[in-house]
C-alpha atoms as a PDB file:
ATOM      1  CA  MET A   1       4.540  16.239   7.039  1.00  0.00           C
ATOM      2  CA  ALA A   2       1.474  15.334   9.076  1.00  0.00           C
ATOM      3  CA  THR A   3       2.036  14.597  12.757  1.00  0.00           C
ATOM      4  CA  ILE A   4       2.484  10.845  12.815  1.00  0.00           C
ATOM      5  CA  THR A   5       2.463   9.429  16.338  1.00  0.00           C
ATOM      6  CA  ASN A   6       0.863   5.966  16.088  1.00  0.00           C
ATOM      7  CA  LEU A   7      -0.795   3.481  13.734  1.00  0.00           C
ATOM      8  CA  THR A   8      -4.060   5.426  13.724  1.00  0.00           C
ATOM      9  CA  SER A   9      -2.374   8.664  12.590  1.00  0.00           C
ATOM     10  CA  LYS A  10      -3.573   9.576   9.109  1.00  0.00           C
ATOM     11  CA  ARG A  11      -2.298  11.354   6.034  1.00  0.00           C
ATOM     12  CA  ALA A  12      -4.575  13.516   3.907  1.00  0.00           C
ATOM     13  CA  LEU A  13      -5.559  12.317   0.443  1.00  0.00           C
ATOM     14  CA  ASN A  14      -6.187  14.715  -2.448  1.00  0.00           C
ATOM     15  CA  ASP A  15      -9.926  13.898  -2.510  1.00  0.00           C
ATOM     16  CA  GLY A  16     -10.557  15.028   1.072  1.00  0.00           C
ATOM     17  CA  ASN A  17     -10.357  11.569   2.632  1.00  0.00           C
ATOM     18  CA  ALA A  18      -7.521  10.364   4.874  1.00  0.00           C
ATOM     19  CA  ILE A  19      -5.463   7.176   5.058  1.00  0.00           C
ATOM     20  CA  PRO A  20      -3.801   5.549   8.103  1.00  0.00           C
ATOM     21  CA  CYS A  21      -0.032   6.082   7.981  1.00  0.00           C
ATOM     22  CA  VAL A  22       0.901   2.379   7.946  1.00  0.00           C
ATOM     23  CA  GLY A  23      -0.975  -0.485   6.320  1.00  0.00           C
ATOM     24  CA  PHE A  24      -0.932  -4.224   6.895  1.00  0.00           C
ATOM     25  CA  GLY A  25      -0.319  -6.174   3.697  1.00  0.00           C
ATOM     26  CA  VAL A  26      -1.493  -9.709   2.957  1.00  0.00           C
ATOM     27  CA  TYR A  27       0.410 -10.473  -0.252  1.00  0.00           C
ATOM     28  CA  ASN A  28       1.452 -14.160  -0.300  1.00  0.00           C
ATOM     29  CA  THR A  29      -0.614 -14.828   2.829  1.00  0.00           C
ATOM     30  CA  LYS A  30      -2.470 -18.108   2.369  1.00  0.00           C
ATOM     31  CA  PRO A  31      -6.244 -17.797   1.806  1.00  0.00           C
ATOM     32  CA  GLY A  32      -8.498 -18.782   4.673  1.00  0.00           C
ATOM     33  CA  ARG A  33      -7.297 -19.227   8.231  1.00  0.00           C
ATOM     34  CA  GLU A  34      -3.774 -17.784   7.796  1.00  0.00           C
ATOM     35  CA  THR A  35      -5.154 -14.550   6.346  1.00  0.00           C
ATOM     36  CA  GLU A  36      -7.937 -14.287   8.889  1.00  0.00           C
ATOM     37  CA  GLU A  37      -5.591 -14.910  11.803  1.00  0.00           C
ATOM     38  CA  SER A  38      -2.902 -12.474  10.655  1.00  0.00           C
ATOM     39  CA  VAL A  39      -5.437  -9.687  10.022  1.00  0.00           C
ATOM     40  CA  LEU A  40      -6.955 -10.213  13.476  1.00  0.00           C
ATOM     41  CA  TRP A  41      -3.475 -10.017  15.023  1.00  0.00           C
ATOM     42  CA  ALA A  42      -2.774  -6.854  13.039  1.00  0.00           C
ATOM     43  CA  LEU A  43      -5.979  -5.244  14.289  1.00  0.00           C
ATOM     44  CA  GLU A  44      -5.069  -6.316  17.840  1.00  0.00           C
ATOM     45  CA  ALA A  45      -1.647  -4.686  17.380  1.00  0.00           C
ATOM     46  CA  GLY A  46      -3.339  -1.421  16.386  1.00  0.00           C
ATOM     47  CA  TYR A  47      -3.220  -1.454  12.585  1.00  0.00           C
ATOM     48  CA  ARG A  48      -6.276   0.192  11.068  1.00  0.00           C
ATOM     49  CA  HIS A  49      -5.395  -0.207   7.389  1.00  0.00           C
ATOM     50  CA  ILE A  50      -5.586  -3.573   5.577  1.00  0.00           C
ATOM     51  CA  ASP A  51      -4.278  -3.985   2.020  1.00  0.00           C
ATOM     52  CA  THR A  52      -5.420  -6.947  -0.095  1.00  0.00           C
ATOM     53  CA  ALA A  53      -6.031  -7.596  -3.818  1.00  0.00           C
ATOM     54  CA  THR A  54      -8.050  -9.865  -6.081  1.00  0.00           C
ATOM     55  CA  VAL A  55      -4.920 -11.669  -7.255  1.00  0.00           C
ATOM     56  CA  TYR A  56      -3.894 -12.480  -3.657  1.00  0.00           C
ATOM     57  CA  ARG A  57      -6.977 -14.772  -3.473  1.00  0.00           C
ATOM     58  CA  ASN A  58      -7.481 -13.921   0.197  1.00  0.00           C
ATOM     59  CA  GLU A  59     -10.183 -11.240   0.181  1.00  0.00           C
ATOM     60  CA  GLU A  60     -12.583 -13.707   1.842  1.00  0.00           C
ATOM     61  CA  GLY A  61     -10.123 -14.265   4.707  1.00  0.00           C
ATOM     62  CA  VAL A  62      -9.810 -10.508   5.193  1.00  0.00           C
ATOM     63  CA  GLY A  63     -13.607 -10.272   5.245  1.00  0.00           C
ATOM     64  CA  GLN A  64     -13.867 -13.022   7.851  1.00  0.00           C
ATOM     65  CA  ALA A  65     -11.441 -11.132  10.117  1.00  0.00           C
ATOM     66  CA  LEU A  66     -13.372  -7.883   9.663  1.00  0.00           C
ATOM     67  CA  ARG A  67     -16.556  -9.639  10.749  1.00  0.00           C
ATOM     68  CA  LYS A  68     -14.898 -11.218  13.798  1.00  0.00           C
ATOM     69  CA  THR A  69     -13.034  -8.184  15.140  1.00  0.00           C
ATOM     70  CA  ASN A  70     -14.520  -5.817  17.692  1.00  0.00           C
ATOM     71  CA  VAL A  71     -12.983  -2.851  15.872  1.00  0.00           C
ATOM     72  CA  PRO A  72     -15.803  -0.893  14.154  1.00  0.00           C
ATOM     73  CA  ARG A  73     -15.830  -1.044  10.340  1.00  0.00           C
ATOM     74  CA  GLU A  74     -15.601   2.749  10.036  1.00  0.00           C
ATOM     75  CA  GLU A  75     -12.276   2.684  11.885  1.00  0.00           C
ATOM     76  CA  ILE A  76     -10.691   0.229   9.428  1.00  0.00           C
ATOM     77  CA  PHE A  77      -9.342   1.393   6.064  1.00  0.00           C
ATOM     78  CA  VAL A  78      -9.681  -1.426   3.515  1.00  0.00           C
ATOM     79  CA  THR A  79      -7.884  -1.514   0.171  1.00  0.00           C
ATOM     80  CA  THR A  80      -8.242  -4.025  -2.636  1.00  0.00           C
ATOM     81  CA  LYS A  81      -7.132  -3.996  -6.259  1.00  0.00           C
ATOM     82  CA  LEU A  82      -8.293  -4.691  -9.808  1.00  0.00           C
ATOM     83  CA  TRP A  83      -6.157  -7.393 -11.405  1.00  0.00           C
ATOM     84  CA  ASP A  84      -4.789  -7.152 -14.957  1.00  0.00           C
ATOM     85  CA  THR A  85      -7.017  -9.875 -16.445  1.00  0.00           C
ATOM     86  CA  SER A  86     -10.162  -7.946 -15.436  1.00  0.00           C
ATOM     87  CA  GLN A  87      -9.138  -4.580 -16.844  1.00  0.00           C
ATOM     88  CA  GLY A  88     -11.631  -2.838 -19.130  1.00  0.00           C
ATOM     89  CA  TYR A  89     -14.820  -0.946 -18.212  1.00  0.00           C
ATOM     90  CA  ASP A  90     -17.440  -3.691 -17.816  1.00  0.00           C
ATOM     91  CA  THR A  91     -14.979  -6.305 -16.592  1.00  0.00           C
ATOM     92  CA  ALA A  92     -13.659  -3.900 -13.943  1.00  0.00           C
ATOM     93  CA  LEU A  93     -17.180  -3.265 -12.643  1.00  0.00           C
ATOM     94  CA  LYS A  94     -17.797  -7.016 -12.469  1.00  0.00           C
ATOM     95  CA  ALA A  95     -14.449  -7.647 -10.739  1.00  0.00           C
ATOM     96  CA  PHE A  96     -15.196  -5.002  -8.133  1.00  0.00           C
ATOM     97  CA  ASP A  97     -18.583  -6.582  -7.378  1.00  0.00           C
ATOM     98  CA  GLU A  98     -16.845  -9.923  -6.888  1.00  0.00           C
ATOM     99  CA  SER A  99     -14.259  -8.361  -4.567  1.00  0.00           C
ATOM    100  CA  ILE A 100     -16.763  -6.509  -2.399  1.00  0.00           C
ATOM    101  CA  THR A 101     -18.865  -9.689  -2.137  1.00  0.00           C
ATOM    102  CA  LYS A 102     -15.837 -11.723  -1.036  1.00  0.00           C
ATOM    103  CA  LEU A 103     -14.928  -9.047   1.504  1.00  0.00           C
ATOM    104  CA  GLY A 104     -18.540  -8.905   2.710  1.00  0.00           C
ATOM    105  CA  LEU A 105     -18.480  -5.089   2.741  1.00  0.00           C
ATOM    106  CA  ASP A 106     -20.830  -2.331   1.595  1.00  0.00           C
ATOM    107  CA  TYR A 107     -17.899  -0.209   0.420  1.00  0.00           C
ATOM    108  CA  VAL A 108     -14.106  -0.224   0.245  1.00  0.00           C
ATOM    109  CA  ASP A 109     -11.983   2.717   1.291  1.00  0.00           C
ATOM    110  CA  LEU A 110      -9.526   2.448  -1.581  1.00  0.00           C
ATOM    111  CA  TYR A 111      -9.591   0.566  -4.891  1.00  0.00           C
ATOM    112  CA  LEU A 112      -6.497   0.456  -7.084  1.00  0.00           C
ATOM    113  CA  VAL A 113      -5.717  -0.446 -10.670  1.00  0.00           C
ATOM    114  CA  HIS A 114      -3.092  -3.064  -9.796  1.00  0.00           C
ATOM    115  CA  SER A 115      -0.768  -2.372 -12.711  1.00  0.00           C
ATOM    116  CA  PRO A 116      -0.543  -0.596 -16.069  1.00  0.00           C
ATOM    117  CA  SER A 117       0.449  -3.868 -17.790  1.00  0.00           C
ATOM    118  CA  PRO A 118      -2.646  -4.459 -19.996  1.00  0.00           C
ATOM    119  CA  GLY A 119      -1.931  -1.322 -22.045  1.00  0.00           C
ATOM    120  CA  THR A 120      -3.382   2.151 -22.597  1.00  0.00           C
ATOM    121  CA  LYS A 121      -6.895   1.270 -23.765  1.00  0.00           C
ATOM    122  CA  LEU A 122      -7.724  -1.161 -20.974  1.00  0.00           C
ATOM    123  CA  ARG A 123      -6.150   0.819 -18.142  1.00  0.00           C
ATOM    124  CA  LEU A 124      -7.996   4.005 -19.155  1.00  0.00           C
ATOM    125  CA  GLU A 125     -11.298   2.104 -19.468  1.00  0.00           C
ATOM    126  CA  SER A 126     -10.634   0.628 -16.029  1.00  0.00           C
ATOM    127  CA  TRP A 127     -10.112   4.094 -14.590  1.00  0.00           C
ATOM    128  CA  LYS A 128     -13.480   5.223 -15.973  1.00  0.00           C
ATOM    129  CA  ALA A 129     -15.055   2.267 -14.170  1.00  0.00           C
ATOM    130  CA  LEU A 130     -13.307   3.268 -10.912  1.00  0.00           C
ATOM    131  CA  GLU A 131     -14.560   6.842 -11.294  1.00  0.00           C
ATOM    132  CA  HIS A 132     -18.095   5.507 -11.730  1.00  0.00           C
ATOM    133  CA  LEU A 133     -17.772   3.324  -8.620  1.00  0.00           C
ATOM    134  CA  LYS A 134     -16.445   6.231  -6.573  1.00  0.00           C
ATOM    135  CA  LYS A 135     -19.374   8.413  -7.652  1.00  0.00           C
ATOM    136  CA  SER A 136     -21.745   5.590  -6.671  1.00  0.00           C
ATOM    137  CA  GLY A 137     -20.321   5.544  -3.131  1.00  0.00           C
ATOM    138  CA  LYS A 138     -19.097   1.950  -3.308  1.00  0.00           C
ATOM    139  CA  ILE A 139     -15.499   3.188  -3.163  1.00  0.00           C
ATOM    140  CA  LYS A 140     -14.320   6.129  -1.052  1.00  0.00           C
ATOM    141  CA  SER A 141     -11.037   6.744  -2.910  1.00  0.00           C
ATOM    142  CA  ILE A 142      -9.390   5.463  -6.091  1.00  0.00           C
ATOM    143  CA  GLY A 143      -5.762   5.078  -7.023  1.00  0.00           C
ATOM    144  CA  VAL A 144      -3.173   3.161  -9.001  1.00  0.00           C
ATOM    145  CA  SER A 145      -0.311   0.787  -8.388  1.00  0.00           C
ATOM    146  CA  ASN A 146       2.968   0.244 -10.242  1.00  0.00           C
ATOM    147  CA  TYR A 147       2.433   3.320 -12.446  1.00  0.00           C
ATOM    148  CA  GLY A 148       5.438   5.139 -13.880  1.00  0.00           C
ATOM    149  CA  VAL A 149       5.511   8.862 -14.689  1.00  0.00           C
ATOM    150  CA  HIS A 150       4.405   8.226 -18.290  1.00  0.00           C
ATOM    151  CA  HIS A 151       1.418   6.164 -17.120  1.00  0.00           C
ATOM    152  CA  LEU A 152       0.364   8.887 -14.681  1.00  0.00           C
ATOM    153  CA  LYS A 153       0.714  11.659 -17.292  1.00  0.00           C
ATOM    154  CA  GLU A 154      -1.449   9.623 -19.683  1.00  0.00           C
ATOM    155  CA  LEU A 155      -4.120   9.210 -16.996  1.00  0.00           C
ATOM    156  CA  LEU A 156      -4.036  12.797 -15.733  1.00  0.00           C
ATOM    157  CA  GLU A 157      -4.686  14.095 -19.264  1.00  0.00           C
ATOM    158  CA  VAL A 158      -8.100  12.425 -19.418  1.00  0.00           C
ATOM    159  CA  CYS A 159      -9.327  11.596 -15.924  1.00  0.00           C
ATOM    160  CA  GLU A 160     -12.165  13.353 -14.111  1.00  0.00           C
ATOM    161  CA  ILE A 161     -10.874  12.205 -10.723  1.00  0.00           C
ATOM    162  CA  LYS A 162      -7.145  12.000 -10.131  1.00  0.00           C
ATOM    163  CA  PRO A 163      -5.598   9.058  -8.270  1.00  0.00           C
ATOM    164  CA  VAL A 164      -5.004   9.604  -4.546  1.00  0.00           C
ATOM    165  CA  VAL A 165      -2.100   7.149  -4.319  1.00  0.00           C
ATOM    166  CA  ASN A 166       0.434   5.291  -6.404  1.00  0.00           C
ATOM    167  CA  GLN A 167       1.397   2.051  -4.682  1.00  0.00           C
ATOM    168  CA  VAL A 168       4.885   0.992  -5.740  1.00  0.00           C
ATOM    169  CA  GLU A 169       7.817  -0.925  -4.374  1.00  0.00           C
ATOM    170  CA  ILE A 170      10.150   1.556  -2.699  1.00  0.00           C
ATOM    171  CA  THR A 171      12.906   0.977  -0.148  1.00  0.00           C
ATOM    172  CA  PRO A 172      16.337   2.486   0.560  1.00  0.00           C
ATOM    173  CA  TYR A 173      17.570  -0.050  -2.006  1.00  0.00           C
ATOM    174  CA  LEU A 174      15.060   1.033  -4.648  1.00  0.00           C
ATOM    175  CA  ALA A 175      14.726   4.797  -4.978  1.00  0.00           C
ATOM    176  CA  ARG A 176      12.020   6.265  -7.184  1.00  0.00           C
ATOM    177  CA  THR A 177      13.428   9.783  -7.401  1.00  0.00           C
ATOM    178  CA  GLU A 178      11.750  10.979 -10.615  1.00  0.00           C
ATOM    179  CA  LEU A 179       8.468   9.198  -9.832  1.00  0.00           C
ATOM    180  CA  GLU A 180       8.392  10.503  -6.263  1.00  0.00           C
ATOM    181  CA  LYS A 181       9.003  14.076  -7.446  1.00  0.00           C
ATOM    182  CA  PHE A 182       6.173  13.823  -9.995  1.00  0.00           C
ATOM    183  CA  CYS A 183       3.729  12.304  -7.489  1.00  0.00           C
ATOM    184  CA  LYS A 184       4.500  15.024  -4.943  1.00  0.00           C
ATOM    185  CA  GLU A 185       3.872  17.705  -7.568  1.00  0.00           C
ATOM    186  CA  GLN A 186       0.507  16.074  -8.341  1.00  0.00           C
ATOM    187  CA  ASP A 187      -0.415  15.529  -4.658  1.00  0.00           C
ATOM    188  CA  ILE A 188      -0.441  11.753  -5.139  1.00  0.00           C
ATOM    189  CA  LEU A 189       0.737   9.837  -2.073  1.00  0.00           C
ATOM    190  CA  PHE A 190       3.291   7.043  -2.319  1.00  0.00           C
ATOM    191  CA  GLU A 191       2.312   3.717  -0.797  1.00  0.00           C
ATOM    192  CA  ALA A 192       5.308   1.419  -0.292  1.00  0.00           C
ATOM    193  CA  TYR A 193       4.714  -2.270  -0.889  1.00  0.00           C
ATOM    194  CA  SER A 194       7.383  -4.809   0.066  1.00  0.00           C
ATOM    195  CA  PRO A 195       8.921  -2.177   2.398  1.00  0.00           C
ATOM    196  CA  LEU A 196      10.938  -4.948   4.071  1.00  0.00           C
ATOM    197  CA  THR A 197      12.509  -6.065   0.736  1.00  0.00           C
ATOM    198  CA  MET A 198      10.675  -9.395   1.190  1.00  0.00           C
ATOM    199  CA  GLY A 199      13.370 -10.137   3.771  1.00  0.00           C
ATOM    200  CA  GLU A 200      16.177 -10.013   1.221  1.00  0.00           C
ATOM    201  CA  LYS A 201      18.078  -7.104   2.809  1.00  0.00           C
ATOM    202  CA  LEU A 202      17.222  -7.530   6.511  1.00  0.00           C
ATOM    203  CA  LYS A 203      20.731  -8.832   7.274  1.00  0.00           C
ATOM    204  CA  GLU A 204      22.576  -6.377   5.029  1.00  0.00           C
ATOM    205  CA  PRO A 205      25.554  -5.139   7.144  1.00  0.00           C
ATOM    206  CA  ARG A 206      25.065  -1.388   6.646  1.00  0.00           C
ATOM    207  CA  LEU A 207      21.388  -1.663   7.604  1.00  0.00           C
ATOM    208  CA  VAL A 208      22.244  -3.856  10.603  1.00  0.00           C
ATOM    209  CA  GLU A 209      24.721  -1.220  11.788  1.00  0.00           C
ATOM    210  CA  ILE A 210      22.084   1.533  11.712  1.00  0.00           C
ATOM    211  CA  ALA A 211      19.519  -0.706  13.453  1.00  0.00           C
ATOM    212  CA  LYS A 212      21.979  -1.409  16.297  1.00  0.00           C
ATOM    213  CA  LYS A 213      22.486   2.328  16.784  1.00  0.00           C
ATOM    214  CA  TYR A 214      18.750   2.763  17.524  1.00  0.00           C
ATOM    215  CA  ASN A 215      18.352  -0.588  19.308  1.00  0.00           C
ATOM    216  CA  LYS A 216      15.731  -1.523  16.721  1.00  0.00           C
ATOM    217  CA  SER A 217      15.268  -4.355  14.229  1.00  0.00           C
ATOM    218  CA  THR A 218      16.259  -3.796  10.607  1.00  0.00           C
ATOM    219  CA  ALA A 219      12.567  -4.222   9.703  1.00  0.00           C
ATOM    220  CA  GLN A 220      11.635  -1.395  12.089  1.00  0.00           C
ATOM    221  CA  ILE A 221      14.308   0.834  10.513  1.00  0.00           C
ATOM    222  CA  LEU A 222      12.932   0.197   7.012  1.00  0.00           C
ATOM    223  CA  ILE A 223       9.353   0.947   8.102  1.00  0.00           C
ATOM    224  CA  ARG A 224      10.456   4.109   9.936  1.00  0.00           C
ATOM    225  CA  TRP A 225      12.474   5.240   6.903  1.00  0.00           C
ATOM    226  CA  SER A 226       9.320   4.966   4.802  1.00  0.00           C
ATOM    227  CA  ILE A 227       7.221   6.890   7.335  1.00  0.00           C
ATOM    228  CA  GLN A 228       9.768   9.708   7.590  1.00  0.00           C
ATOM    229  CA  HIS A 229       9.764  10.062   3.818  1.00  0.00           C
ATOM    230  CA  GLY A 230       5.999  10.563   3.918  1.00  0.00           C
ATOM    231  CA  TYR A 231       5.188   7.207   2.341  1.00  0.00           C
ATOM    232  CA  ILE A 232       2.561   4.688   3.521  1.00  0.00           C
ATOM    233  CA  PRO A 233       4.488   1.456   4.184  1.00  0.00           C
ATOM    234  CA  LEU A 234       2.613  -1.853   3.923  1.00  0.00           C
ATOM    235  CA  PRO A 235       4.613  -4.399   5.938  1.00  0.00           C
ATOM    236  CA  LYS A 236       3.340  -7.976   6.022  1.00  0.00           C
ATOM    237  CA  SER A 237       3.928 -10.991   8.219  1.00  0.00           C
ATOM    238  CA  VAL A 238       2.035 -14.083   9.294  1.00  0.00           C
ATOM    239  CA  HIS A 239       3.907 -14.262  12.614  1.00  0.00           C
ATOM    240  CA  LYS A 240       2.188 -12.570  15.559  1.00  0.00           C
ATOM    241  CA  GLU A 241       5.387 -11.340  17.224  1.00  0.00           C
ATOM    242  CA  ARG A 242       6.639  -9.741  13.985  1.00  0.00           C
ATOM    243  CA  ILE A 243       3.261  -8.149  13.281  1.00  0.00           C
ATOM    244  CA  PHE A 244       3.454  -6.486  16.706  1.00  0.00           C
ATOM    245  CA  SER A 245       7.151  -5.644  16.374  1.00  0.00           C
ATOM    246  CA  ASN A 246       6.619  -4.003  12.977  1.00  0.00           C
ATOM    247  CA  ALA A 247       4.096  -1.680  14.652  1.00  0.00           C
ATOM    248  CA  GLU A 248       6.626  -0.431  17.215  1.00  0.00           C
ATOM    249  CA  VAL A 249       8.072   2.339  15.079  1.00  0.00           C
ATOM    250  CA  PHE A 250       6.727   5.470  16.753  1.00  0.00           C
ATOM    251  CA  ASP A 251       9.040   5.750  19.756  1.00  0.00           C
ATOM    252  CA  PHE A 252      12.107   6.870  17.813  1.00  0.00           C
ATOM    253  CA  SER A 253      13.177   8.971  14.825  1.00  0.00           C
ATOM    254  CA  ILE A 254      15.984   8.339  12.382  1.00  0.00           C
ATOM    255  CA  SER A 255      18.380  11.293  12.235  1.00  0.00           C
ATOM    256  CA  ASP A 256      18.714  13.339   9.040  1.00  0.00           C
ATOM    257  CA  GLN A 257      22.239  12.034   8.602  1.00  0.00           C
ATOM    258  CA  ASP A 258      21.160   8.406   8.900  1.00  0.00           C
ATOM    259  CA  MET A 259      18.230   9.035   6.558  1.00  0.00           C
ATOM    260  CA  GLN A 260      20.729  10.325   3.993  1.00  0.00           C
ATOM    261  CA  THR A 261      22.902   7.263   4.561  1.00  0.00           C
ATOM    262  CA  LEU A 262      19.903   4.984   4.019  1.00  0.00           C
ATOM    263  CA  ASP A 263      18.971   6.938   0.881  1.00  0.00           C
ATOM    264  CA  SER A 264      22.468   6.264  -0.472  1.00  0.00           C
ATOM    265  CA  PHE A 265      21.813   2.483  -0.494  1.00  0.00           C
ATOM    266  CA  ASP A 266      19.864   2.738  -3.768  1.00  0.00           C
ATOM    267  CA  GLU A 267      20.870  -0.003  -6.199  1.00  0.00           C
ATOM    268  CA  TYR A 268      17.634  -0.544  -8.135  1.00  0.00           C
ATOM    269  CA  PHE A 269      16.873  -3.644  -6.076  1.00  0.00           C
ATOM    270  CA  VAL A 270      13.516  -5.000  -7.332  1.00  0.00           C
ATOM    271  CA  THR A 271      12.168  -8.048  -5.500  1.00  0.00           C
ATOM    272  CA  GLU A 272       9.778  -9.345  -8.183  1.00  0.00           C
ATOM    273  CA  TRP A 273       8.554  -7.010 -10.937  1.00  0.00           C
ATOM    274  CA  ASP A 274       8.606  -3.370 -11.980  1.00  0.00           C
ATOM    275  CA  PRO A 275       5.641  -2.436 -14.206  1.00  0.00           C
ATOM    276  CA  THR A 276       6.516   1.280 -13.776  1.00  0.00           C
ATOM    277  CA  ARG A 277       8.861   0.665 -16.730  1.00  0.00           C
ATOM    278  CA  TYR A 278       6.287  -1.014 -18.974  1.00  0.00           C
ATOM    279  CA  GLU A 279       4.808   0.729 -22.009  1.00  0.00           C
END
């Protein structure tokens, strides 16, 4: 595992680029001021990795924050995603142009196919569009989200450029054992969305007990668990104090025994959807 000591520590991607070890997510963050404010707080707290998507409808707010911050653009890793309704070659190219315009950027660091839901033909056409955009320099790295092993095998059989990440929901309560093993074999990093279980498990007694042992919040334990597994967690909040608190995960380590205990919590707990199982 790479030496991870703070929010600017990076993990290597299979295309030669690198990604900051923790991202700041803006799913369900209201467009406009709420997004702009939370991203500015995140940058103030030290995050250097912002994760948005077309379907979140807040790319413009992210762009506003990027223009207002004093942090140089080259120090900020920006991800957005191609939504299902725009999948296909030409429609993906058009959707990307719309996203980059809303963000007000010359390039994005990572562009993902948001899900495999539209089916084989459209997701493979979309990937060809992403490869084209990467070659053009408008995207530094390309990846996927919510892909299962069968989706990845299908893609790897035909792609010129392999995905650098697979962004999926993964927590101690939702193990992805087979998928994680396959991604590791293929040198595809796991990004963990909803790493805080959307708040659903933050008061779960076994998790609370472990958090007390380290004098940390349950959210900090979940983020640290993800980091120690080699994942890229993407915690989100619109509250300044929680944004800062979620960043304070580099002054402790979870013991091997407690990591194993956390791993044992798996109960296939999905917060919203699981396209990894779709055809």
